[in-house]
Structure formats: structure tokens, C-alpha cells
N, C-alpha and C. Protein backbone atom coordinates (compact mmCIF):
# COMPACT_ATOMS: atom_id res chain seq x y z
N MET A 1 17.62 16.07 36.86
CA MET A 1 16.83 15.10 36.08
C MET A 1 16.31 15.90 34.83
N ALA A 2 15.75 16.91 35.00
CA ALA A 2 15.61 17.70 33.72
C ALA A 2 16.34 17.88 32.75
N GLU A 3 17.75 18.22 33.17
CA GLU A 3 18.93 18.34 32.21
C GLU A 3 19.06 17.03 31.39
N LYS A 4 18.79 15.92 32.03
CA LYS A 4 19.00 14.62 31.50
C LYS A 4 18.05 14.59 30.32
N ALA A 5 16.68 14.78 30.52
CA ALA A 5 15.52 14.70 29.75
C ALA A 5 15.85 15.57 28.48
N ASP A 6 16.35 17.03 28.85
CA ASP A 6 16.55 17.77 27.82
C ASP A 6 17.72 17.22 26.86
N ARG A 7 18.79 16.56 27.34
CA ARG A 7 19.79 16.03 26.55
C ARG A 7 19.21 14.89 25.64
N LYS A 8 18.31 14.25 26.09
CA LYS A 8 17.66 13.03 25.44
C LYS A 8 16.87 13.61 24.19
N THR A 9 16.18 14.75 24.62
CA THR A 9 15.24 15.41 23.74
C THR A 9 16.09 15.91 22.47
N LYS A 10 17.23 16.71 22.72
CA LYS A 10 18.10 17.26 21.84
C LYS A 10 18.82 15.99 20.88
N LYS A 11 19.01 14.68 21.50
CA LYS A 11 19.31 13.81 20.46
C LYS A 11 18.38 13.16 19.59
N THR A 12 16.97 13.23 19.96
CA THR A 12 16.11 12.85 18.93
C THR A 12 15.61 14.10 18.15
N GLN A 13 16.26 15.18 17.95
CA GLN A 13 15.87 16.35 17.08
C GLN A 13 16.88 16.46 16.05
N ALA A 14 16.40 16.54 14.87
CA ALA A 14 17.52 16.91 13.90
C ALA A 14 17.97 18.50 14.12
N PRO A 15 19.19 18.69 13.51
CA PRO A 15 19.91 19.95 13.71
C PRO A 15 18.98 21.08 13.40
N GLY A 16 18.98 22.03 14.13
CA GLY A 16 18.10 23.04 13.97
C GLY A 16 16.56 23.00 14.28
N GLU A 17 16.23 21.90 14.64
CA GLU A 17 14.79 21.60 15.19
C GLU A 17 14.58 22.08 16.43
N THR A 18 13.36 22.73 16.61
CA THR A 18 13.12 23.25 17.76
C THR A 18 11.93 22.56 18.77
N PHE A 19 11.54 21.49 18.30
CA PHE A 19 10.39 20.88 18.85
C PHE A 19 10.72 19.52 19.24
N ASP A 20 9.98 18.99 20.19
CA ASP A 20 10.46 17.53 20.94
C ASP A 20 9.33 16.69 19.88
N ARG A 21 10.24 15.76 19.45
CA ARG A 21 9.17 14.71 18.54
C ARG A 21 8.91 13.49 19.17
N ARG A 22 9.39 13.44 20.53
CA ARG A 22 9.16 12.08 21.28
C ARG A 22 7.67 11.96 21.77
N TRP A 23 7.37 10.86 21.84
CA TRP A 23 6.03 10.43 22.45
C TRP A 23 6.14 8.95 22.79
N HIS A 24 4.95 8.29 23.13
CA HIS A 24 5.15 6.85 23.74
C HIS A 24 5.63 5.84 22.50
N LEU A 25 5.51 6.22 21.40
CA LEU A 25 6.14 5.38 20.19
C LEU A 25 7.75 5.81 19.81
N ALA A 26 8.09 6.88 20.27
CA ALA A 26 9.30 7.52 19.86
C ALA A 26 10.14 8.01 20.99
N GLN A 27 10.88 7.29 21.48
CA GLN A 27 11.85 8.01 22.69
C GLN A 27 13.17 8.13 22.04
N THR A 28 13.68 7.18 21.33
CA THR A 28 15.29 7.32 20.95
C THR A 28 15.05 7.84 19.59
N GLN A 29 16.12 8.33 19.07
CA GLN A 29 16.30 8.86 17.43
C GLN A 29 15.79 7.58 16.64
N ALA A 30 16.32 6.49 16.83
CA ALA A 30 15.76 5.38 15.83
C ALA A 30 14.10 5.41 15.97
N GLU A 31 13.73 5.33 17.30
CA GLU A 31 12.39 5.31 17.17
C GLU A 31 11.63 6.57 16.55
N VAL A 32 12.13 7.63 16.72
CA VAL A 32 11.45 8.92 16.04
C VAL A 32 11.70 8.73 14.70
N ASP A 33 12.92 8.18 14.10
CA ASP A 33 12.91 8.09 12.67
C ASP A 33 11.87 7.16 12.21
N THR A 34 11.89 5.88 12.86
CA THR A 34 10.87 4.85 12.49
C THR A 34 9.52 5.25 12.44
N THR A 35 9.00 6.08 13.49
CA THR A 35 7.68 6.45 13.68
C THR A 35 7.41 7.62 12.51
N GLU A 36 8.28 8.44 12.23
CA GLU A 36 8.18 9.47 11.36
C GLU A 36 8.06 8.62 9.77
N LEU A 37 8.73 7.75 9.43
CA LEU A 37 8.68 6.90 8.27
C LEU A 37 7.15 6.18 8.38
N GLU A 38 6.73 5.59 9.35
CA GLU A 38 5.52 4.81 9.50
C GLU A 38 4.40 6.02 9.07
N PHE A 39 4.51 7.12 9.57
CA PHE A 39 3.42 8.14 9.45
C PHE A 39 3.47 8.54 8.08
N ALA A 40 4.62 8.51 7.42
CA ALA A 40 4.92 9.08 6.28
C ALA A 40 4.14 7.93 5.26
N VAL A 41 4.35 6.72 5.38
CA VAL A 41 3.97 5.39 4.63
C VAL A 41 2.45 5.71 4.83
N MET A 42 1.69 5.91 6.19
CA MET A 42 0.42 5.82 6.19
C MET A 42 -0.37 6.97 5.38
N ARG A 43 0.42 8.26 5.44
CA ARG A 43 -0.10 9.32 4.77
C ARG A 43 0.01 9.13 3.23
N THR A 44 0.92 8.22 2.69
CA THR A 44 1.29 8.25 1.32
C THR A 44 0.11 7.27 0.90
N PHE A 45 -0.15 6.12 1.80
CA PHE A 45 -1.08 5.15 1.39
C PHE A 45 -2.56 5.86 1.18
N GLU A 46 -2.93 6.64 2.26
CA GLU A 46 -4.13 7.33 2.10
C GLU A 46 -4.15 8.08 0.81
N SER A 47 -3.07 9.02 0.52
CA SER A 47 -3.12 9.71 -0.67
C SER A 47 -3.10 8.81 -1.98
N PHE A 48 -2.46 7.81 -1.98
CA PHE A 48 -2.35 7.06 -3.21
C PHE A 48 -3.67 6.37 -3.43
N GLY A 49 -4.42 6.07 -2.29
CA GLY A 49 -5.91 5.44 -2.47
C GLY A 49 -6.60 6.60 -3.12
N ARG A 50 -6.64 7.84 -2.58
CA ARG A 50 -7.60 8.98 -3.17
C ARG A 50 -7.14 9.18 -4.60
N TRP A 51 -5.78 9.32 -4.89
CA TRP A 51 -5.29 9.35 -6.29
C TRP A 51 -6.07 8.22 -7.29
N GLN A 52 -5.86 7.06 -6.56
CA GLN A 52 -6.29 5.91 -7.44
C GLN A 52 -7.93 6.15 -7.91
N GLY A 53 -8.71 6.55 -6.88
CA GLY A 53 -10.08 6.70 -7.08
C GLY A 53 -10.35 7.95 -7.94
N GLU A 54 -9.75 9.06 -8.04
CA GLU A 54 -9.69 10.13 -8.59
C GLU A 54 -9.36 10.00 -10.01
N CYS A 55 -8.29 9.07 -10.34
CA CYS A 55 -7.95 8.72 -11.45
C CYS A 55 -8.88 7.76 -12.28
N LEU A 56 -9.29 6.85 -11.57
CA LEU A 56 -10.16 6.04 -12.07
C LEU A 56 -11.43 6.80 -12.46
N ALA A 57 -12.02 7.68 -11.76
CA ALA A 57 -13.29 8.48 -11.79
C ALA A 57 -13.18 9.37 -12.92
N GLY A 58 -11.85 9.78 -13.19
CA GLY A 58 -11.62 10.67 -14.33
C GLY A 58 -11.73 9.88 -15.75
N VAL A 59 -11.64 8.50 -15.68
CA VAL A 59 -11.69 7.82 -17.02
C VAL A 59 -12.97 7.00 -17.13
N ALA A 60 -13.70 6.73 -16.06
CA ALA A 60 -14.85 5.86 -16.23
C ALA A 60 -15.83 6.34 -15.10
N ASP A 61 -17.11 6.25 -15.13
CA ASP A 61 -18.05 6.27 -14.13
C ASP A 61 -18.17 5.16 -13.09
N ILE A 62 -17.18 4.78 -12.43
CA ILE A 62 -17.06 3.67 -11.69
C ILE A 62 -16.48 4.23 -10.27
N ALA A 63 -17.27 3.82 -9.20
CA ALA A 63 -16.74 4.07 -7.95
C ALA A 63 -16.07 2.93 -7.44
N ALA A 64 -14.90 3.05 -7.01
CA ALA A 64 -14.11 2.04 -6.48
C ALA A 64 -13.10 2.32 -5.54
N SER A 65 -12.82 1.64 -4.54
CA SER A 65 -11.72 2.01 -3.32
C SER A 65 -10.29 1.95 -4.04
N GLY A 66 -9.36 2.42 -3.28
CA GLY A 66 -8.02 2.45 -3.89
C GLY A 66 -7.64 0.82 -4.07
N PRO A 67 -7.96 0.01 -2.98
CA PRO A 67 -7.38 -1.32 -3.30
C PRO A 67 -8.09 -2.20 -4.12
N GLU A 68 -9.62 -1.90 -4.45
CA GLU A 68 -10.43 -2.33 -5.59
C GLU A 68 -9.63 -1.84 -6.79
N ASN A 69 -9.27 -0.59 -7.11
CA ASN A 69 -8.53 -0.15 -8.08
C ASN A 69 -7.25 -0.91 -8.48
N ALA A 70 -6.49 -1.21 -7.40
CA ALA A 70 -5.26 -1.92 -7.48
C ALA A 70 -5.31 -3.20 -7.86
N LEU A 71 -6.55 -3.77 -7.48
CA LEU A 71 -6.92 -5.18 -7.70
C LEU A 71 -6.97 -5.26 -9.21
N LEU A 72 -7.90 -4.42 -9.73
CA LEU A 72 -8.11 -4.26 -11.20
C LEU A 72 -6.80 -4.40 -11.92
N HIS A 73 -6.03 -3.49 -11.63
CA HIS A 73 -4.84 -3.46 -12.35
C HIS A 73 -3.77 -4.54 -12.15
N VAL A 74 -3.83 -5.16 -11.17
CA VAL A 74 -3.11 -6.45 -10.84
C VAL A 74 -3.58 -7.74 -11.69
N ILE A 75 -4.91 -7.65 -11.91
CA ILE A 75 -5.59 -8.73 -12.61
C ILE A 75 -5.07 -8.36 -14.09
N ARG A 76 -4.98 -7.07 -14.53
CA ARG A 76 -4.61 -6.76 -15.90
C ARG A 76 -3.10 -7.13 -16.14
N MET A 77 -2.31 -7.11 -14.97
CA MET A 77 -0.86 -7.34 -15.19
C MET A 77 -0.48 -8.38 -16.05
N ASN A 78 0.29 -8.23 -17.02
CA ASN A 78 0.74 -9.04 -18.13
C ASN A 78 -0.27 -9.77 -18.81
N ASP A 79 -1.64 -9.35 -18.78
CA ASP A 79 -2.91 -9.64 -19.64
C ASP A 79 -3.03 -11.21 -19.52
N ARG A 80 -2.86 -11.57 -18.31
CA ARG A 80 -3.19 -13.02 -18.23
C ARG A 80 -4.18 -13.36 -16.99
N PRO A 81 -4.96 -14.26 -16.96
CA PRO A 81 -5.84 -14.51 -15.70
C PRO A 81 -5.04 -14.85 -14.62
N LYS A 82 -5.74 -14.63 -13.34
CA LYS A 82 -5.03 -15.01 -11.97
C LYS A 82 -6.06 -15.39 -11.07
N SER A 83 -5.67 -16.41 -10.28
CA SER A 83 -6.46 -16.94 -9.05
C SER A 83 -6.50 -15.97 -8.05
N VAL A 84 -7.26 -16.09 -7.13
CA VAL A 84 -7.24 -15.41 -5.91
C VAL A 84 -6.29 -15.54 -5.07
N LYS A 85 -5.72 -16.95 -4.90
CA LYS A 85 -4.47 -16.80 -4.14
C LYS A 85 -3.17 -16.30 -4.80
N GLU A 86 -3.06 -16.09 -6.14
CA GLU A 86 -2.07 -15.33 -6.79
C GLU A 86 -2.22 -13.81 -6.73
N LEU A 87 -3.48 -13.47 -6.58
CA LEU A 87 -3.82 -12.01 -6.43
C LEU A 87 -3.52 -11.66 -5.04
N ALA A 88 -3.89 -12.37 -4.04
CA ALA A 88 -3.43 -12.20 -2.66
C ALA A 88 -1.96 -12.07 -2.53
N ARG A 89 -1.23 -13.01 -3.12
CA ARG A 89 0.31 -13.21 -3.03
C ARG A 89 0.83 -12.00 -3.86
N LEU A 90 0.60 -11.42 -4.85
CA LEU A 90 1.11 -10.33 -5.68
C LEU A 90 0.85 -9.22 -4.78
N MET A 91 -0.26 -8.93 -4.16
CA MET A 91 -0.49 -7.90 -3.48
C MET A 91 -0.12 -7.77 -2.02
N ASN A 92 0.33 -8.86 -1.66
CA ASN A 92 0.93 -9.17 -0.22
C ASN A 92 -0.35 -9.08 0.77
N ARG A 93 -1.56 -9.59 0.39
CA ARG A 93 -2.72 -9.71 1.18
C ARG A 93 -3.08 -10.91 1.56
N ASP A 94 -3.57 -11.06 2.88
CA ASP A 94 -4.19 -12.33 3.33
C ASP A 94 -5.60 -12.30 3.58
N ASP A 95 -6.35 -11.23 3.25
CA ASP A 95 -7.67 -11.06 3.78
C ASP A 95 -8.49 -11.48 2.47
N ILE A 96 -8.63 -12.83 2.05
CA ILE A 96 -9.17 -13.52 0.96
C ILE A 96 -10.72 -13.14 0.78
N PRO A 97 -11.52 -13.11 1.94
CA PRO A 97 -12.69 -12.42 1.94
C PRO A 97 -13.07 -11.07 1.34
N ASN A 98 -12.33 -10.26 1.75
CA ASN A 98 -12.14 -9.08 1.36
C ASN A 98 -11.68 -8.83 -0.19
N ILE A 99 -10.96 -9.58 -0.51
CA ILE A 99 -10.56 -9.86 -2.02
C ILE A 99 -11.79 -10.28 -2.90
N GLN A 100 -12.20 -11.22 -2.38
CA GLN A 100 -13.44 -11.81 -3.07
C GLN A 100 -14.59 -10.96 -2.99
N TYR A 101 -14.93 -9.86 -2.15
CA TYR A 101 -15.84 -8.98 -2.17
C TYR A 101 -15.38 -8.13 -3.23
N SER A 102 -14.25 -7.52 -3.41
CA SER A 102 -13.93 -6.51 -4.38
C SER A 102 -14.08 -7.31 -5.71
N LEU A 103 -13.70 -8.39 -5.85
CA LEU A 103 -13.90 -9.18 -7.26
C LEU A 103 -15.31 -9.11 -7.59
N ARG A 104 -16.15 -9.39 -6.64
CA ARG A 104 -17.60 -9.33 -7.00
C ARG A 104 -17.99 -7.82 -7.47
N LYS A 105 -17.59 -6.78 -6.88
CA LYS A 105 -17.83 -5.59 -7.09
C LYS A 105 -17.27 -5.26 -8.62
N LEU A 106 -15.93 -5.71 -8.78
CA LEU A 106 -15.42 -5.56 -10.34
C LEU A 106 -16.30 -6.13 -11.28
N ILE A 107 -16.59 -7.43 -10.95
CA ILE A 107 -17.46 -8.19 -11.93
C ILE A 107 -18.69 -7.38 -12.07
N ALA A 108 -19.61 -7.03 -11.11
CA ALA A 108 -20.75 -6.47 -11.18
C ALA A 108 -20.62 -5.08 -12.05
N ALA A 109 -19.41 -4.45 -11.96
CA ALA A 109 -19.20 -3.28 -12.82
C ALA A 109 -18.78 -3.60 -14.32
N GLY A 110 -18.73 -4.90 -14.43
CA GLY A 110 -18.29 -5.36 -15.82
C GLY A 110 -16.89 -5.22 -16.13
N LEU A 111 -15.88 -5.01 -15.29
CA LEU A 111 -14.67 -4.63 -15.47
C LEU A 111 -13.65 -6.07 -15.62
N VAL A 112 -14.41 -7.15 -14.89
CA VAL A 112 -13.65 -8.24 -14.70
C VAL A 112 -14.72 -9.48 -14.85
N GLU A 113 -14.06 -10.67 -15.38
CA GLU A 113 -14.83 -11.81 -15.39
C GLU A 113 -14.11 -12.99 -14.83
N LYS A 114 -14.94 -13.91 -14.42
CA LYS A 114 -14.55 -14.99 -13.68
C LYS A 114 -14.65 -16.23 -14.59
N SER A 115 -13.67 -17.20 -14.48
CA SER A 115 -13.51 -18.26 -15.47
C SER A 115 -13.32 -19.34 -14.72
N GLY A 116 -13.35 -20.66 -15.24
CA GLY A 116 -13.21 -21.81 -14.42
C GLY A 116 -14.28 -22.33 -13.58
N SER A 117 -14.04 -23.25 -12.79
CA SER A 117 -14.74 -23.84 -11.75
C SER A 117 -13.76 -24.36 -10.45
N ALA A 118 -14.46 -24.68 -9.31
CA ALA A 118 -13.61 -24.88 -8.22
C ALA A 118 -12.92 -26.00 -8.66
N ARG A 119 -13.37 -27.04 -9.45
CA ARG A 119 -12.55 -28.30 -9.86
C ARG A 119 -11.28 -27.92 -10.70
N SER A 120 -11.57 -27.19 -11.62
CA SER A 120 -10.59 -26.68 -12.50
C SER A 120 -9.67 -25.60 -12.09
N GLY A 121 -10.23 -24.90 -11.26
CA GLY A 121 -9.47 -23.72 -10.91
C GLY A 121 -10.14 -22.49 -11.36
N VAL A 122 -10.51 -21.50 -10.45
CA VAL A 122 -11.19 -20.13 -10.93
C VAL A 122 -10.05 -19.25 -11.26
N THR A 123 -10.21 -18.52 -12.20
CA THR A 123 -9.26 -17.32 -12.50
C THR A 123 -10.18 -16.16 -12.93
N TYR A 124 -9.55 -15.09 -12.76
CA TYR A 124 -9.91 -13.83 -12.94
C TYR A 124 -9.31 -12.94 -14.06
N SER A 125 -9.87 -12.33 -14.99
CA SER A 125 -9.23 -11.42 -16.10
C SER A 125 -10.10 -10.32 -16.22
N VAL A 126 -9.71 -9.26 -17.23
CA VAL A 126 -10.42 -8.15 -17.22
C VAL A 126 -11.09 -8.33 -18.56
N THR A 127 -12.24 -7.64 -18.40
CA THR A 127 -13.01 -7.84 -19.80
C THR A 127 -12.70 -6.54 -20.57
N THR A 128 -13.52 -6.69 -21.94
CA THR A 128 -13.06 -5.61 -22.79
C THR A 128 -13.25 -4.18 -22.21
N LEU A 129 -14.29 -4.02 -21.52
CA LEU A 129 -14.24 -2.82 -20.77
C LEU A 129 -13.32 -2.50 -19.78
N GLY A 130 -12.95 -3.57 -18.92
CA GLY A 130 -11.80 -3.53 -18.18
C GLY A 130 -10.67 -3.08 -18.84
N HIS A 131 -10.24 -3.69 -19.94
CA HIS A 131 -9.24 -3.36 -20.59
C HIS A 131 -9.19 -1.77 -21.07
N ASP A 132 -10.39 -1.37 -21.78
CA ASP A 132 -10.46 -0.16 -22.13
C ASP A 132 -10.34 0.83 -21.00
N VAL A 133 -10.94 0.55 -19.66
CA VAL A 133 -10.78 1.51 -18.69
C VAL A 133 -9.38 1.52 -18.06
N THR A 134 -8.66 0.39 -17.89
CA THR A 134 -7.32 0.31 -17.52
C THR A 134 -6.45 0.99 -18.47
N GLU A 135 -6.67 1.03 -19.76
CA GLU A 135 -5.85 1.85 -20.67
C GLU A 135 -6.05 3.33 -20.59
N ARG A 136 -7.04 3.61 -20.37
CA ARG A 136 -7.43 5.32 -20.12
C ARG A 136 -6.77 5.53 -18.90
N TYR A 137 -6.90 4.82 -17.74
CA TYR A 137 -6.40 5.20 -16.64
C TYR A 137 -4.93 5.11 -16.67
N ALA A 138 -4.38 4.30 -17.52
CA ALA A 138 -2.77 4.50 -17.64
C ALA A 138 -2.37 5.70 -18.34
N ALA A 139 -3.18 6.15 -19.53
CA ALA A 139 -2.83 7.35 -19.93
C ALA A 139 -3.14 8.53 -19.18
N LEU A 140 -4.06 8.80 -18.44
CA LEU A 140 -4.34 9.91 -17.65
C LEU A 140 -3.18 9.64 -16.42
N ARG A 141 -2.85 8.81 -16.00
CA ARG A 141 -1.55 8.38 -14.82
C ARG A 141 -0.41 8.89 -15.63
N ARG A 142 -0.10 8.49 -16.74
CA ARG A 142 1.01 9.03 -17.53
C ARG A 142 1.09 10.61 -17.61
N ALA A 143 -0.01 11.16 -17.96
CA ALA A 143 -0.37 12.42 -18.23
C ALA A 143 -0.17 13.30 -16.91
N LEU A 144 -0.56 12.93 -15.82
CA LEU A 144 -0.52 13.54 -14.59
C LEU A 144 0.68 13.26 -13.66
N LEU A 145 0.58 11.76 -13.17
CA LEU A 145 1.55 11.52 -12.15
C LEU A 145 2.99 11.45 -12.67
N VAL A 146 3.26 10.67 -13.75
CA VAL A 146 4.49 10.55 -14.26
C VAL A 146 5.08 11.88 -14.82
N ALA A 147 4.18 12.59 -15.38
CA ALA A 147 4.79 13.90 -15.78
C ALA A 147 5.15 14.79 -14.78
N ALA A 148 4.42 14.66 -13.36
CA ALA A 148 4.76 15.27 -12.24
C ALA A 148 6.23 14.91 -11.62
N ILE A 149 6.20 13.63 -11.83
CA ILE A 149 7.36 12.87 -11.17
C ILE A 149 8.72 13.26 -12.06
N GLU A 150 8.32 13.35 -13.44
CA GLU A 150 9.75 13.81 -14.17
C GLU A 150 10.02 15.09 -13.97
N ASN A 151 9.12 15.86 -13.54
CA ASN A 151 9.41 17.44 -13.16
C ASN A 151 10.50 17.84 -12.12
N VAL A 152 10.37 16.73 -11.33
CA VAL A 152 11.20 16.91 -9.87
C VAL A 152 12.77 16.28 -10.23
N PRO A 153 13.76 17.09 -10.15
CA PRO A 153 15.11 16.98 -10.27
C PRO A 153 15.52 15.67 -9.69
N ASP A 154 15.92 14.68 -10.10
CA ASP A 154 16.51 13.36 -9.65
C ASP A 154 15.58 12.68 -8.86
N PHE A 155 14.21 12.81 -9.04
CA PHE A 155 13.06 12.00 -8.39
C PHE A 155 13.23 10.76 -8.92
N VAL A 156 13.41 10.39 -10.21
CA VAL A 156 13.48 8.92 -10.72
C VAL A 156 14.34 8.34 -9.95
N ASP A 157 15.67 8.57 -9.82
CA ASP A 157 16.64 7.98 -9.14
C ASP A 157 16.14 7.69 -7.56
N ARG A 158 15.54 8.64 -6.85
CA ARG A 158 14.94 8.60 -5.52
C ARG A 158 13.89 7.50 -5.42
N LEU A 159 13.06 7.33 -6.57
CA LEU A 159 12.08 6.50 -6.53
C LEU A 159 12.61 5.13 -6.32
N ALA A 160 13.75 4.82 -7.17
CA ALA A 160 14.38 3.50 -7.08
C ALA A 160 14.79 3.22 -5.94
N ASP A 161 15.43 4.14 -5.21
CA ASP A 161 16.00 4.06 -3.77
C ASP A 161 14.77 3.69 -2.81
N ALA A 162 13.76 4.43 -2.97
CA ALA A 162 12.74 4.28 -2.20
C ALA A 162 12.09 2.82 -2.21
N THR A 163 12.00 2.56 -3.48
CA THR A 163 11.39 1.09 -3.63
C THR A 163 12.06 0.08 -3.06
N ARG A 164 13.40 0.16 -3.15
CA ARG A 164 14.28 -0.67 -2.56
C ARG A 164 14.10 -0.86 -0.94
N THR A 165 14.04 0.51 -0.38
CA THR A 165 13.80 0.51 1.02
C THR A 165 12.53 -0.02 1.66
N LEU A 166 11.36 0.43 0.79
CA LEU A 166 10.15 -0.01 1.16
C LEU A 166 10.23 -1.62 1.05
N ASN A 167 10.67 -2.30 -0.02
CA ASN A 167 10.55 -3.60 -0.05
C ASN A 167 11.30 -4.38 0.85
N LEU A 168 12.51 -3.80 1.53
CA LEU A 168 13.19 -4.19 2.61
C LEU A 168 12.49 -4.07 3.72
N LEU A 169 11.77 -3.03 3.95
CA LEU A 169 10.83 -2.76 5.24
C LEU A 169 9.67 -3.69 5.15
N ALA A 170 9.13 -4.05 4.07
CA ALA A 170 8.03 -5.18 3.80
C ALA A 170 8.33 -6.38 4.45
N GLY A 171 9.64 -6.74 3.90
CA GLY A 171 10.28 -7.86 4.59
C GLY A 171 10.37 -7.99 6.16
N ILE A 172 10.80 -6.90 6.54
CA ILE A 172 11.05 -6.69 8.10
C ILE A 172 9.69 -6.80 8.89
N TYR A 173 8.65 -6.02 8.46
CA TYR A 173 7.43 -6.02 8.99
C TYR A 173 6.96 -7.30 8.87
N GLU A 174 7.05 -8.14 7.70
CA GLU A 174 6.53 -9.58 7.71
C GLU A 174 7.26 -10.48 8.87
N GLU A 175 8.48 -10.35 8.85
CA GLU A 175 9.03 -11.28 9.97
C GLU A 175 8.89 -11.01 11.24
N ILE A 176 8.75 -9.70 11.80
CA ILE A 176 8.52 -9.17 13.02
C ILE A 176 6.80 -9.56 13.39
N SER A 177 6.17 -9.53 12.36
CA SER A 177 4.73 -9.87 12.44
C SER A 177 4.60 -11.28 12.96
N ARG A 178 5.38 -12.20 12.39
CA ARG A 178 5.55 -13.71 12.75
C ARG A 178 5.84 -13.81 14.28
N ILE A 179 6.97 -13.15 14.58
CA ILE A 179 7.57 -13.00 15.76
C ILE A 179 6.37 -12.52 16.90
N ALA A 180 5.80 -11.55 16.42
CA ALA A 180 4.94 -11.00 17.52
C ALA A 180 3.80 -11.74 17.62
N ALA A 181 3.43 -12.54 16.74
CA ALA A 181 2.19 -13.58 16.80
C ALA A 181 2.71 -14.65 17.76
N THR A 182 3.89 -15.03 17.80
CA THR A 182 4.25 -15.87 18.96
C THR A 182 4.34 -15.45 20.38
N HIS A 183 4.12 -14.04 20.56
CA HIS A 183 4.05 -13.65 22.02
C HIS A 183 2.61 -13.05 22.28
N ARG A 184 1.46 -13.69 21.62
CA ARG A 184 0.26 -13.24 21.94
C ARG A 184 -0.30 -13.74 23.35
N ARG A 185 -1.01 -13.20 24.05
CA ARG A 185 -1.58 -13.97 25.29
C ARG A 185 -2.92 -14.07 25.03
N PRO A 186 -3.22 -15.03 25.95
CA PRO A 186 -4.75 -15.34 25.67
C PRO A 186 -5.62 -14.25 26.21
N GLY A 187 -6.64 -14.07 25.38
CA GLY A 187 -7.59 -12.88 25.58
C GLY A 187 -7.12 -11.60 25.22
N GLY A 188 -5.87 -11.53 24.48
CA GLY A 188 -5.40 -10.53 23.76
C GLY A 188 -4.59 -9.41 24.73
N GLY A 189 -4.41 -9.64 25.96
CA GLY A 189 -3.93 -8.57 26.88
C GLY A 189 -2.62 -9.18 27.20
N GLY A 190 -1.84 -8.17 27.83
CA GLY A 190 -0.49 -8.77 28.36
C GLY A 190 -0.62 -9.04 29.69
N GLU A 191 0.58 -9.33 30.29
CA GLU A 191 0.57 -9.94 31.58
C GLU A 191 0.34 -8.77 32.68
N ALA A 192 -0.52 -8.79 33.83
CA ALA A 192 -0.72 -7.79 34.59
C ALA A 192 0.15 -7.97 35.76
């Protein structure tokens, strides 16, 4: 039995690897690879949020979370007003109350303004200050992030491949989320 477990462990290890990467989420090589990618995405998301906060703090005295900063830039995208529904769709979010909370914070900071009414349609756009802050953010981003990326050989090509892979994964996660929702049990538990 131990020999069989040892063979299974070796199947989930990369050549030359000396540790077992299996656990409850990762028993097969496909599960190990998927779990490793998911952890990489989580770590990247958190690093990205910290980067956004630090970059924004570097150009303005404004405290904003990573998602709030991203929302500011999506509002600025193509320099045209956007509705809450459009912002949610562009960011692949369905947490409208959280988006509305972030919008209130950005409005209070003077970066975003609200136009229209419930009858005519409410949209959001950046203010003059918001435009200035996003321009300074873009310049600092270019000087730090883009310069660092350009210094890594072949990294620009790898970014294009990563973008395609992540977009494909986003679609897969969306589909399997819908499937998983059809398997919910009353009370949130599984069958005993």
C-alpha cells in the first residue's frame, strides 16, 4: 500500500522535486497544477491590490483599496461616463452594494462625480481631480511597473499568453459556478 502511495506522490511531483505537494485539494497532477495556479492567482491578486494602493498613495493623499482604485480607472476608461451595471459588467463583479459603497467613497474624495437620475439613468465619471490623479498614477505605473516588465526578457509575450489563459479560466470558473449553484443543498450542507 505504501508503495502505491509513493508512486502516486511521484506522479504529482515535477522532475527533481523532493516534496509531496498533495493535500485534500490536490491529489492528482491536474489537481496539484490547478491548486498551484489558484494560489498563484490569489497571491497575485493580493500583490496587485497592494501595488495599486501604494501607486495611488504615491501620487495622491487618498486611501483607497485595490478594488476602489481599479473602479476609478474603469470609470476613467475611454473617458466616458458609465452606469453601475456597466461598471459591474466590465469588472466581472456582481456585488452592486459594494460597488455603490466604493463609488460613494470616490465621490467623497472628489475623484468621481455622479450625473443623471433614476429616471434618466445614473452614470459616473471622473472629476478634474480624478483625471489628474489617474494621469499621475499612469505615469508612475509606467515608470515603475512597465519599466520592470520590459526588463524581463520575453515577458511581454508571456503576458499575452497569461492574459489569454486567465480569460479562459475566468470563463471556466463562471460556468462551473453556475453548475455548482444547481447542486446546493438546503441549509448549505451536503448529504449526511
